[in-house]
Amino acid sequence: MLEGSILQKLEAAHRGSKRPLNFGVYYKNTLVALCHALEDFILESGGTPLMITAFQRGKWYLKEAERYGDLADKASHVVIMATADAGFAEHPTSQRSNVALVNLTPDDPVAQEWHLMILSETYSAMVLCQELSSTDYGPTGVPENDLERKFYGFWTFEAELVQETMELAIAHIGHYAPDLQQALKRQIQTITAAYGTKPRDDIGIVVTRVVDYLQHSQEDVSHIGESELFAAPIHEQELDENLVSSEMQAFLRMAQLIDQANAANPLAAAEIAAMAEAMGQLLDLPSWQLKRLRLAGLLHGLGSSLMTAVHSQEEAPSCSLTSAVQALRVMPRMRAIAQIITHQTEWWDGTGTPAGLAYDAIPLESRILGLVAHFQWHVRQLRMSSEGEQTTPNLEEILSKALMECQRRAGEAFDPKLVEALALLVMGMQQGMSLQVNQPKIAAGMWLLDSHPNEELIASKLKVED
């Protein structure tokens, strides 16, 4: 990373901390689609965000200046950092009272970065990237074709991290415009003071838009001939995988926000994923199914507020669900995961939701996920109760009590055979077996989506239908 860049300063601040940053590599077309999706939601947001961007060079800003005029209509302030060139300052959008230009010097490390920071009382998002150096590109050097350019960094919806990065950016802006720096500091204070005064915007809608924009970007690439698109021997598949990885990251980041909102147990999803995978291993499920169980566990919170019941499994793919689950179904590789999450609240006797499925009509993975999530919830409640009574939690006793709650509902809510398997798993945990509870490396999400060689077989086993 370039010394003195915003990305480098943020990485240094989090190095060795409990919240290390997960970095990935993104092609330019991926970043364009991602930024457009995050920016456009400003127009629907309930707040009036502060927006700080870094465009590297003024000519890149000029391509976006018209849409930035629309964004400026809604934002409280828009700040654009870039080297001054190609009529950067003369564009009408640049003349608006709430749009400020910061003309970076060519030797400024921020002039090699691509940033988008959005902060308001209802919506926060950020893309923070730095272009690879000629050394990083390897023997082929910097690509001649614009779409082949690569950037190293990450993106997030976390308001605290966005605020922290904005403060770094504002400090950098102070070297060029001290008065602007002070004005932006006051805006940050105003925004943070207003936290909680308005309902937070639905991040599920943003995630849906991110997936939509990335998929349109993917279609645009596929419609261009490879010989026309690439000057170097890079394959279209690599660009496609970069886009799909970013789609996966959108869901993982949303699930991360759900976990962080659970102050009592921010590792709940990771615990459920680990236990679901262990249950699958106990049942001798194939590796592709174990991977989907783990991913469904990590994302299970996306389906926590199903809105409308349906009456059959055939109806379920089109029922009115949370926006995040609907977005999952748009991705071909994620339809099986959406199905698992959708039916995790079905009950063995057919009295659950959303489709009232019963017995083996409920997908196996959904039965496992629902049981494990119920068990984990009871474990957490019992632990909190012990802590409230200021007694030392007895893990073996807590596990036994949580298991008894699941056994009590065997044959009603849960598959009796799966409850028996859970009892074996609990016995192992009481005897010292530990589960690997790890947060996923979000920027490397493609490992969760490795395809089984026969996707049609998977779809039929999971009863996934369009």
Protein backbone atom coordinates (compact mmCIF):
# COMPACT_ATOMS: atom_id res chain seq x y z
CA MET A 1 0.00 0.00 0.00
CA LEU A 2 1.17 3.50 -0.73
CA GLU A 3 2.59 5.23 2.32
CA GLY A 4 0.37 8.14 3.33
CA SER A 5 -2.69 6.91 1.44
CA ILE A 6 -6.05 6.74 3.20
CA LEU A 7 -6.21 2.96 2.70
CA GLN A 8 -2.76 2.53 4.26
CA LYS A 9 -3.64 4.70 7.28
CA LEU A 10 -6.87 2.76 7.90
CA GLU A 11 -5.11 -0.59 7.54
CA ALA A 12 -2.41 0.52 9.99
CA ALA A 13 -5.06 1.60 12.51
CA HIS A 14 -6.68 -1.86 12.40
CA ARG A 15 -3.54 -3.98 12.16
CA GLY A 16 -3.57 -6.57 14.94
CA SER A 17 -6.98 -5.41 16.21
CA LYS A 18 -10.04 -7.54 16.92
CA ARG A 19 -11.60 -6.18 13.73
CA PRO A 20 -8.98 -6.66 11.00
CA LEU A 21 -9.95 -5.51 7.53
CA ASN A 22 -10.59 -8.13 4.84
CA PHE A 23 -9.10 -7.00 1.54
CA GLY A 24 -9.79 -8.23 -1.98
CA VAL A 25 -8.89 -7.41 -5.57
CA TYR A 26 -11.55 -5.85 -7.81
CA TYR A 27 -11.64 -5.16 -11.53
CA LYS A 28 -12.67 -1.67 -12.59
CA ASN A 29 -15.99 -2.79 -14.09
CA THR A 30 -16.88 -4.41 -10.75
CA LEU A 31 -16.12 -1.19 -8.88
CA VAL A 32 -18.11 0.96 -11.31
CA ALA A 33 -21.21 -1.23 -10.86
CA LEU A 34 -20.75 -1.41 -7.10
CA CYS A 35 -20.30 2.36 -6.70
CA HIS A 36 -23.29 3.14 -8.92
CA ALA A 37 -25.49 0.88 -6.81
CA LEU A 38 -24.35 2.42 -3.52
CA GLU A 39 -24.56 5.97 -4.89
CA ASP A 40 -28.00 5.60 -6.44
CA PHE A 41 -29.54 4.49 -3.16
CA ILE A 42 -28.80 8.00 -1.87
CA LEU A 43 -31.75 9.16 -3.97
CA GLU A 44 -34.07 6.86 -1.98
CA SER A 45 -32.39 7.22 1.38
CA GLY A 46 -34.23 8.76 4.30
CA GLY A 47 -31.24 10.90 5.21
CA THR A 48 -29.13 13.64 3.63
CA PRO A 49 -25.69 12.03 3.42
CA LEU A 50 -22.25 13.52 3.40
CA MET A 51 -20.43 12.04 0.41
CA ILE A 52 -16.63 12.05 -0.10
CA THR A 53 -15.08 10.49 -3.20
CA ALA A 54 -11.67 10.06 -4.77
CA PHE A 55 -11.60 9.73 -8.57
CA GLN A 56 -7.83 9.62 -9.17
CA ARG A 57 -8.08 11.99 -12.14
CA GLY A 58 -10.58 14.69 -13.05
CA LYS A 59 -11.39 13.02 -16.37
CA TRP A 60 -12.94 10.06 -14.54
CA TYR A 61 -15.13 12.43 -12.55
CA LEU A 62 -16.31 14.11 -15.77
CA LYS A 63 -17.85 10.81 -16.90
CA GLU A 64 -19.98 10.82 -13.74
CA ALA A 65 -20.55 14.57 -13.30
CA GLU A 66 -24.16 14.60 -14.57
CA ARG A 67 -25.30 11.87 -12.18
CA TYR A 68 -23.35 13.56 -9.41
CA GLY A 69 -25.57 16.59 -9.99
CA ASP A 70 -28.57 14.41 -9.11
CA LEU A 71 -26.79 13.07 -6.04
CA ALA A 72 -25.93 16.61 -4.93
CA ASP A 73 -29.68 17.41 -4.94
CA LYS A 74 -30.10 14.91 -2.09
CA ALA A 75 -26.73 15.00 -0.31
CA SER A 76 -25.83 17.61 2.27
CA HIS A 77 -22.36 17.94 0.78
CA VAL A 78 -20.38 16.21 -1.98
CA VAL A 79 -16.57 16.35 -1.91
CA ILE A 80 -14.55 15.13 -4.90
CA MET A 81 -10.81 14.48 -4.68
CA ALA A 82 -8.87 14.13 -7.95
CA THR A 83 -6.00 15.63 -9.88
CA ALA A 84 -7.23 18.64 -11.86
CA ASP A 85 -7.46 17.96 -15.59
CA ALA A 86 -9.89 17.80 -18.55
CA GLY A 87 -12.15 20.65 -17.44
CA PHE A 88 -12.62 19.19 -14.00
CA ALA A 89 -13.53 22.50 -12.34
CA GLU A 90 -15.58 23.93 -15.22
CA HIS A 91 -18.39 21.38 -15.24
CA PRO A 92 -21.73 22.82 -13.99
CA THR A 93 -22.03 20.22 -11.22
CA SER A 94 -18.71 21.46 -9.84
CA GLN A 95 -20.16 24.96 -9.49
CA ARG A 96 -22.92 23.92 -7.07
CA SER A 97 -22.75 25.37 -3.58
CA ASN A 98 -22.70 21.96 -1.86
CA VAL A 99 -20.10 20.41 -4.21
CA ALA A 100 -16.43 20.92 -3.34
CA LEU A 101 -13.42 19.98 -5.45
CA VAL A 102 -10.09 19.10 -3.88
CA ASN A 103 -7.38 19.28 -6.54
CA LEU A 104 -4.84 16.63 -5.57
CA THR A 105 -1.22 17.03 -6.61
CA PRO A 106 -0.01 14.27 -8.98
CA ASP A 107 2.41 12.93 -6.34
CA ASP A 108 -0.31 12.61 -3.68
CA PRO A 109 -0.81 8.90 -2.83
CA VAL A 110 -4.60 9.49 -2.69
CA ALA A 111 -4.40 10.25 -6.42
CA GLN A 112 -3.86 6.49 -6.87
CA GLU A 113 -6.97 5.60 -4.87
CA TRP A 114 -10.64 5.08 -5.70
CA HIS A 115 -12.92 5.96 -2.81
CA LEU A 116 -16.63 6.37 -2.18
CA MET A 117 -17.76 7.25 1.34
CA ILE A 118 -21.42 7.82 2.22
CA LEU A 119 -22.48 8.71 5.76
CA SER A 120 -25.88 9.78 7.06
CA GLU A 121 -28.12 9.10 10.04
CA THR A 122 -29.98 6.44 8.01
CA TYR A 123 -27.52 5.00 5.47
CA SER A 124 -23.78 4.38 5.37
CA ALA A 125 -21.63 2.66 2.77
CA MET A 126 -18.05 2.81 1.56
CA VAL A 127 -15.72 1.55 -1.16
CA LEU A 128 -12.03 2.02 -0.38
CA CYS A 129 -9.55 0.87 -3.03
CA GLN A 130 -6.08 1.55 -4.36
CA GLU A 131 -4.90 0.72 -7.87
CA LEU A 132 -2.29 -1.99 -8.16
CA SER A 133 1.22 -0.80 -8.91
CA SER A 134 3.10 -1.82 -12.04
CA THR A 135 5.03 -4.30 -9.87
CA ASP A 136 1.80 -5.80 -8.56
CA TYR A 137 0.55 -6.39 -12.11
CA GLY A 138 3.56 -8.60 -12.76
CA PRO A 139 5.50 -9.18 -16.01
CA THR A 140 2.65 -7.99 -18.25
CA GLY A 141 2.73 -4.55 -16.61
CA VAL A 142 -0.13 -2.09 -16.33
CA PRO A 143 -2.94 -3.20 -18.71
CA GLU A 144 -3.68 -1.10 -21.76
CA ASN A 145 -7.41 -1.78 -21.61
CA ASP A 146 -9.29 0.18 -18.96
CA LEU A 147 -11.56 -2.71 -17.90
CA GLU A 148 -8.53 -4.80 -16.99
CA ARG A 149 -7.32 -2.37 -14.33
CA LYS A 150 -7.33 -3.85 -10.84
CA PHE A 151 -7.78 -2.28 -7.42
CA TYR A 152 -6.92 -3.60 -3.97
CA GLY A 153 -9.24 -2.82 -1.07
CA PHE A 154 -12.65 -3.53 0.43
CA TRP A 155 -16.17 -2.17 0.89
CA THR A 156 -18.63 -2.10 3.76
CA PHE A 157 -21.93 -0.85 5.19
CA GLU A 158 -20.53 -0.38 8.71
CA ALA A 159 -21.29 3.16 9.86
CA GLU A 160 -18.48 3.28 12.45
CA LEU A 161 -15.89 2.24 9.87
CA VAL A 162 -17.23 4.71 7.32
CA GLN A 163 -17.05 7.50 9.90
CA GLU A 164 -13.49 6.54 10.87
CA THR A 165 -12.38 6.58 7.23
CA MET A 166 -14.14 9.87 6.54
CA GLU A 167 -12.24 11.45 9.41
CA LEU A 168 -8.97 10.26 7.82
CA ALA A 169 -10.09 11.70 4.47
CA ILE A 170 -11.09 15.00 6.06
CA ALA A 171 -7.70 15.26 7.75
CA HIS A 172 -6.10 14.74 4.33
CA ILE A 173 -8.36 17.37 2.78
CA GLY A 174 -7.11 19.79 5.44
CA HIS A 175 -3.71 19.93 3.70
CA TYR A 176 -5.46 21.49 0.70
CA ALA A 177 -8.47 23.32 2.15
CA PRO A 178 -8.44 23.99 5.92
CA ASP A 179 -11.79 25.81 5.85
CA LEU A 180 -13.45 22.88 4.08
CA GLN A 181 -11.90 20.54 6.62
CA GLN A 182 -13.55 22.42 9.49
CA ALA A 183 -16.92 22.51 7.70
CA LEU A 184 -16.80 18.75 7.10
CA LYS A 185 -15.91 18.09 10.73
CA ARG A 186 -19.02 19.98 11.78
CA GLN A 187 -21.14 17.95 9.34
CA ILE A 188 -19.80 14.69 10.81
CA GLN A 189 -20.76 15.89 14.28
CA THR A 190 -24.26 16.83 13.09
CA ILE A 191 -24.77 13.43 11.45
CA THR A 192 -23.52 11.38 14.40
CA ALA A 193 -25.63 13.43 16.81
CA ALA A 194 -28.70 12.51 14.73
CA TYR A 195 -28.10 8.73 14.93
CA GLY A 196 -31.28 7.03 16.06
CA THR A 197 -33.58 9.94 15.25
CA LYS A 198 -34.79 8.33 12.02
CA PRO A 199 -35.36 4.69 11.02
CA ARG A 200 -32.33 3.13 9.34
CA ASP A 201 -32.74 2.49 5.62
CA ASP A 202 -33.36 -1.10 4.52
CA ILE A 203 -29.93 -2.45 3.58
CA GLY A 204 -31.69 -5.38 1.91
CA ILE A 205 -32.86 -2.99 -0.81
CA VAL A 206 -29.28 -1.76 -1.29
CA VAL A 207 -28.02 -5.34 -1.53
CA THR A 208 -30.68 -6.11 -4.14
CA ARG A 209 -29.52 -3.12 -6.17
CA VAL A 210 -25.85 -4.12 -5.84
CA VAL A 211 -26.64 -7.59 -7.21
CA ASP A 212 -28.73 -6.12 -10.04
CA TYR A 213 -26.02 -3.65 -11.09
CA LEU A 214 -23.28 -6.27 -10.92
CA GLN A 215 -25.31 -8.68 -13.03
CA HIS A 216 -25.94 -6.00 -15.65
CA SER A 217 -22.21 -5.32 -15.68
CA GLN A 218 -21.64 -9.03 -16.23
CA GLU A 219 -24.04 -9.01 -19.18
CA ASP A 220 -22.28 -5.99 -20.69
CA VAL A 221 -18.94 -7.80 -20.57
CA SER A 222 -20.36 -10.97 -22.12
CA HIS A 223 -21.75 -8.99 -25.09
CA ILE A 224 -18.30 -7.69 -26.05
CA GLY A 225 -16.03 -9.91 -28.07
CA GLU A 226 -12.93 -11.07 -26.21
CA SER A 227 -10.56 -9.84 -28.90
CA GLU A 228 -12.18 -6.40 -28.71
CA LEU A 229 -12.28 -6.31 -24.93
CA PHE A 230 -8.86 -7.47 -23.89
CA ALA A 231 -5.41 -6.43 -25.04
CA ALA A 232 -3.80 -9.01 -22.72
CA PRO A 233 -4.64 -12.73 -22.49
CA ILE A 234 -7.17 -12.37 -19.66
CA HIS A 235 -10.34 -14.45 -19.77
CA GLU A 236 -13.92 -13.29 -19.46
CA GLN A 237 -14.42 -15.93 -16.77
CA GLU A 238 -12.05 -14.08 -14.44
CA LEU A 239 -14.11 -10.89 -14.75
CA ASP A 240 -17.32 -12.88 -14.19
CA GLU A 241 -15.93 -14.48 -11.04
CA ASN A 242 -14.90 -11.07 -9.72
CA LEU A 243 -18.47 -9.84 -10.16
CA VAL A 244 -20.01 -12.95 -8.58
CA SER A 245 -17.59 -12.68 -5.65
CA SER A 246 -18.76 -9.10 -5.06
CA GLU A 247 -22.40 -10.22 -5.14
CA MET A 248 -21.57 -12.82 -2.49
CA GLN A 249 -19.78 -10.19 -0.42
CA ALA A 250 -22.91 -8.02 -0.45
CA PHE A 251 -24.89 -10.72 1.35
CA LEU A 252 -22.10 -11.55 3.77
CA ARG A 253 -21.73 -7.88 4.66
CA MET A 254 -25.44 -7.57 5.28
CA ALA A 255 -25.35 -10.68 7.48
CA GLN A 256 -22.39 -9.11 9.29
CA LEU A 257 -24.52 -6.03 10.10
CA ILE A 258 -27.27 -8.27 11.48
CA ASP A 259 -24.72 -10.00 13.71
CA GLN A 260 -23.23 -6.73 14.92
CA ALA A 261 -26.70 -5.55 15.94
CA ASN A 262 -26.88 -8.58 18.25
CA ALA A 263 -24.86 -7.14 21.14
CA ALA A 264 -25.40 -10.27 23.23
CA ASN A 265 -23.75 -12.54 20.67
CA PRO A 266 -22.17 -10.96 17.55
CA LEU A 267 -20.88 -14.42 16.56
CA ALA A 268 -24.33 -16.01 16.42
CA ALA A 269 -24.29 -16.66 12.67
CA ALA A 270 -20.77 -18.10 12.77
CA GLU A 271 -21.81 -20.42 15.61
CA ILE A 272 -24.91 -21.60 13.73
CA ALA A 273 -22.86 -22.14 10.55
CA ALA A 274 -20.28 -24.22 12.40
CA MET A 275 -22.91 -26.34 14.13
CA ALA A 276 -24.95 -26.86 10.95
CA GLU A 277 -21.83 -28.02 9.15
CA ALA A 278 -20.97 -30.37 12.03
CA MET A 279 -24.49 -31.80 11.91
CA GLY A 280 -24.07 -32.37 8.19
CA GLN A 281 -20.79 -34.20 8.78
CA LEU A 282 -22.46 -36.36 11.41
CA LEU A 283 -25.13 -37.25 8.83
CA ASP A 284 -22.39 -38.03 6.28
CA LEU A 285 -23.60 -35.42 3.79
CA PRO A 286 -21.41 -34.78 0.71
CA SER A 287 -18.94 -31.87 0.73
CA TRP A 288 -21.01 -29.69 -1.62
CA GLN A 289 -23.97 -29.97 0.73
CA LEU A 290 -21.81 -29.18 3.76
CA LYS A 291 -20.60 -26.02 2.03
CA ARG A 292 -24.17 -24.91 1.35
CA LEU A 293 -25.15 -25.66 4.94
CA ARG A 294 -22.31 -23.48 6.20
CA LEU A 295 -23.21 -20.62 3.87
CA ALA A 296 -26.92 -20.89 4.76
CA GLY A 297 -25.90 -20.71 8.43
CA LEU A 298 -23.89 -17.55 7.86
CA LEU A 299 -26.78 -15.96 5.97
CA HIS A 300 -29.69 -17.40 7.94
CA GLY A 301 -30.52 -14.02 9.49
CA LEU A 302 -31.47 -12.62 6.08
CA GLY A 303 -34.69 -14.61 6.22
CA SER A 304 -35.59 -13.76 9.80
CA SER A 305 -38.64 -11.68 8.91
CA LEU A 306 -40.65 -13.54 6.28
CA MET A 307 -43.55 -11.28 5.45
CA THR A 308 -46.27 -13.36 3.83
CA ALA A 309 -47.16 -17.03 4.15
CA VAL A 310 -47.62 -19.15 1.06
CA HIS A 311 -49.44 -22.43 0.64
CA SER A 312 -47.05 -24.68 -1.24
CA GLN A 313 -43.39 -25.10 -2.00
CA GLU A 314 -44.09 -24.31 -5.64
CA GLU A 315 -45.30 -20.86 -4.59
CA ALA A 316 -42.35 -20.16 -2.31
CA PRO A 317 -39.91 -18.86 -4.95
CA SER A 318 -42.26 -15.98 -5.69
CA CYS A 319 -43.63 -15.27 -2.22
CA SER A 320 -43.13 -11.86 -0.62
CA LEU A 321 -40.01 -12.27 1.50
CA THR A 322 -37.38 -9.96 2.86
CA SER A 323 -35.69 -8.06 0.06
CA ALA A 324 -32.40 -9.80 0.82
CA VAL A 325 -33.84 -13.29 0.26
CA GLN A 326 -35.46 -12.13 -2.97
CA ALA A 327 -32.04 -10.86 -4.09
CA LEU A 328 -30.46 -14.23 -3.28
CA ARG A 329 -32.87 -15.89 -5.71
CA VAL A 330 -31.70 -13.64 -8.53
CA MET A 331 -28.26 -15.29 -8.42
CA PRO A 332 -28.35 -18.74 -10.05
CA ARG A 333 -25.67 -20.05 -7.68
CA MET A 334 -27.58 -18.81 -4.63
CA ARG A 335 -31.07 -20.15 -5.34
CA ALA A 336 -30.39 -23.28 -3.31
CA ILE A 337 -29.23 -21.13 -0.37
CA ALA A 338 -32.35 -18.93 -0.67
CA GLN A 339 -34.49 -22.07 -0.57
CA ILE A 340 -32.75 -23.35 2.55
CA ILE A 341 -33.13 -20.01 4.34
CA THR A 342 -36.75 -19.57 3.23
CA HIS A 343 -37.90 -22.88 4.71
CA GLN A 344 -35.87 -22.87 7.95
CA THR A 345 -39.06 -21.89 9.83
CA GLU A 346 -41.16 -24.80 8.55
CA TRP A 347 -42.27 -27.25 11.26
CA TRP A 348 -42.12 -31.01 11.03
CA ASP A 349 -45.89 -31.32 11.59
CA GLY A 350 -46.74 -28.79 8.83
CA THR A 351 -47.78 -25.88 11.07
CA GLY A 352 -44.75 -23.69 10.31
CA THR A 353 -44.15 -20.96 7.74
CA PRO A 354 -43.93 -19.79 5.00
CA ALA A 355 -45.38 -22.71 2.99
CA GLY A 356 -46.74 -25.05 5.67
CA LEU A 357 -44.53 -27.89 4.44
CA ALA A 358 -44.39 -31.08 6.52
CA TYR A 359 -42.05 -34.02 7.07
CA ASP A 360 -39.69 -34.83 4.20
CA ALA A 361 -41.23 -32.15 1.99
CA ILE A 362 -39.15 -29.68 4.02
CA PRO A 363 -35.65 -29.56 2.48
CA LEU A 364 -33.18 -31.43 4.69
CA GLU A 365 -30.85 -28.44 4.96
CA SER A 366 -33.75 -26.24 6.12
CA ARG A 367 -34.64 -28.78 8.81
CA ILE A 368 -31.04 -28.82 10.04
CA LEU A 369 -30.74 -25.03 9.99
CA GLY A 370 -34.00 -24.47 11.87
CA LEU A 371 -33.07 -26.98 14.57
CA VAL A 372 -29.54 -25.69 15.04
CA ALA A 373 -30.69 -22.05 15.18
CA HIS A 374 -33.27 -22.95 17.84
CA PHE A 375 -30.67 -24.85 19.87
CA GLN A 376 -28.12 -22.03 19.63
CA TRP A 377 -30.72 -19.47 20.74
CA HIS A 378 -31.49 -21.49 23.88
CA VAL A 379 -27.79 -21.88 24.65
CA ARG A 380 -27.34 -18.10 24.46
CA GLN A 381 -30.41 -17.44 26.67
CA LEU A 382 -29.19 -19.89 29.31
CA ARG A 383 -25.71 -18.36 29.29
CA MET A 384 -27.15 -14.86 29.72
CA SER A 385 -29.36 -16.09 32.57
CA SER A 386 -26.33 -17.56 34.36
CA GLU A 387 -24.36 -14.36 33.93
CA GLY A 388 -27.32 -12.33 35.23
CA GLU A 389 -27.40 -14.47 38.36
CA GLN A 390 -23.64 -13.94 38.72
CA THR A 391 -22.98 -17.67 38.72
CA THR A 392 -20.31 -19.48 36.75
CA PRO A 393 -21.98 -20.93 33.64
CA ASN A 394 -21.79 -24.72 33.56
CA LEU A 395 -21.41 -25.43 29.84
CA GLU A 396 -22.35 -29.10 30.14
CA GLU A 397 -25.56 -28.23 31.99
CA ILE A 398 -26.42 -25.43 29.54
CA LEU A 399 -26.00 -27.75 26.55
CA SER A 400 -28.18 -30.40 28.24
CA LYS A 401 -30.99 -27.93 28.97
CA ALA A 402 -30.91 -26.51 25.41
CA LEU A 403 -31.02 -30.04 24.00
CA MET A 404 -34.01 -30.89 26.21
CA GLU A 405 -35.90 -27.92 24.75
CA CYS A 406 -35.31 -29.30 21.25
CA GLN A 407 -36.20 -32.84 22.30
CA ARG A 408 -39.44 -31.55 23.81
CA ARG A 409 -40.48 -30.31 20.36
CA ALA A 410 -39.29 -33.35 18.39
CA GLY A 411 -42.10 -34.61 16.17
CA GLU A 412 -43.84 -31.23 16.39
CA ALA A 413 -41.39 -28.58 15.18
CA PHE A 414 -38.32 -30.72 14.46
CA ASP A 415 -37.46 -33.91 12.62
CA PRO A 416 -37.03 -36.56 15.38
CA LYS A 417 -34.10 -38.18 13.54
CA LEU A 418 -32.28 -34.85 13.39
CA VAL A 419 -32.90 -34.27 17.10
CA GLU A 420 -31.24 -37.64 17.74
CA ALA A 421 -28.26 -36.51 15.66
CA LEU A 422 -28.13 -33.25 17.61
CA ALA A 423 -28.00 -35.27 20.85
CA LEU A 424 -24.90 -37.08 19.56
CA LEU A 425 -23.31 -33.75 18.62
CA VAL A 426 -24.07 -32.29 22.06
CA MET A 427 -22.58 -35.36 23.71
CA GLY A 428 -19.37 -34.78 21.78
CA MET A 429 -19.32 -31.10 22.77
CA GLN A 430 -19.82 -32.04 26.43
CA GLN A 431 -16.84 -34.37 26.17
CA GLY A 432 -14.57 -31.60 24.90
CA MET A 433 -15.15 -31.54 21.14
CA SER A 434 -14.84 -27.96 19.89
CA LEU A 435 -16.35 -26.44 16.76
CA GLN A 436 -14.41 -24.05 14.53
CA VAL A 437 -16.34 -20.80 14.94
CA ASN A 438 -14.73 -18.33 12.56
CA GLN A 439 -16.00 -15.24 10.78
CA PRO A 440 -15.67 -15.71 7.00
CA LYS A 441 -13.10 -13.76 5.04
CA ILE A 442 -15.66 -11.66 3.26
CA ALA A 443 -13.44 -10.36 0.47
CA ALA A 444 -12.64 -13.95 -0.52
CA GLY A 445 -16.23 -15.16 -0.75
CA MET A 446 -15.84 -17.26 -3.91
CA TRP A 447 -14.68 -20.30 -1.93
CA LEU A 448 -18.23 -20.53 -0.58
CA LEU A 449 -19.62 -20.75 -4.10
CA ASP A 450 -17.47 -23.46 -5.64
CA SER A 451 -19.82 -25.33 -7.92
CA HIS A 452 -20.57 -29.00 -7.65
CA PRO A 453 -19.96 -30.65 -11.04
CA ASN A 454 -23.64 -31.46 -11.37
CA GLU A 455 -25.59 -28.33 -10.42
CA GLU A 456 -28.81 -29.74 -11.88
CA LEU A 457 -28.59 -32.67 -9.47
CA ILE A 458 -28.08 -30.27 -6.55
CA ALA A 459 -31.08 -28.19 -7.57
CA SER A 460 -33.30 -31.25 -7.82
CA LYS A 461 -32.16 -32.56 -4.44
CA LEU A 462 -32.91 -29.21 -2.84
CA LYS A 463 -36.20 -28.92 -4.76
CA VAL A 464 -35.24 -25.56 -6.21
CA GLU A 465 -37.62 -24.46 -8.96
CA ASP A 466 -37.92 -21.24 -10.95
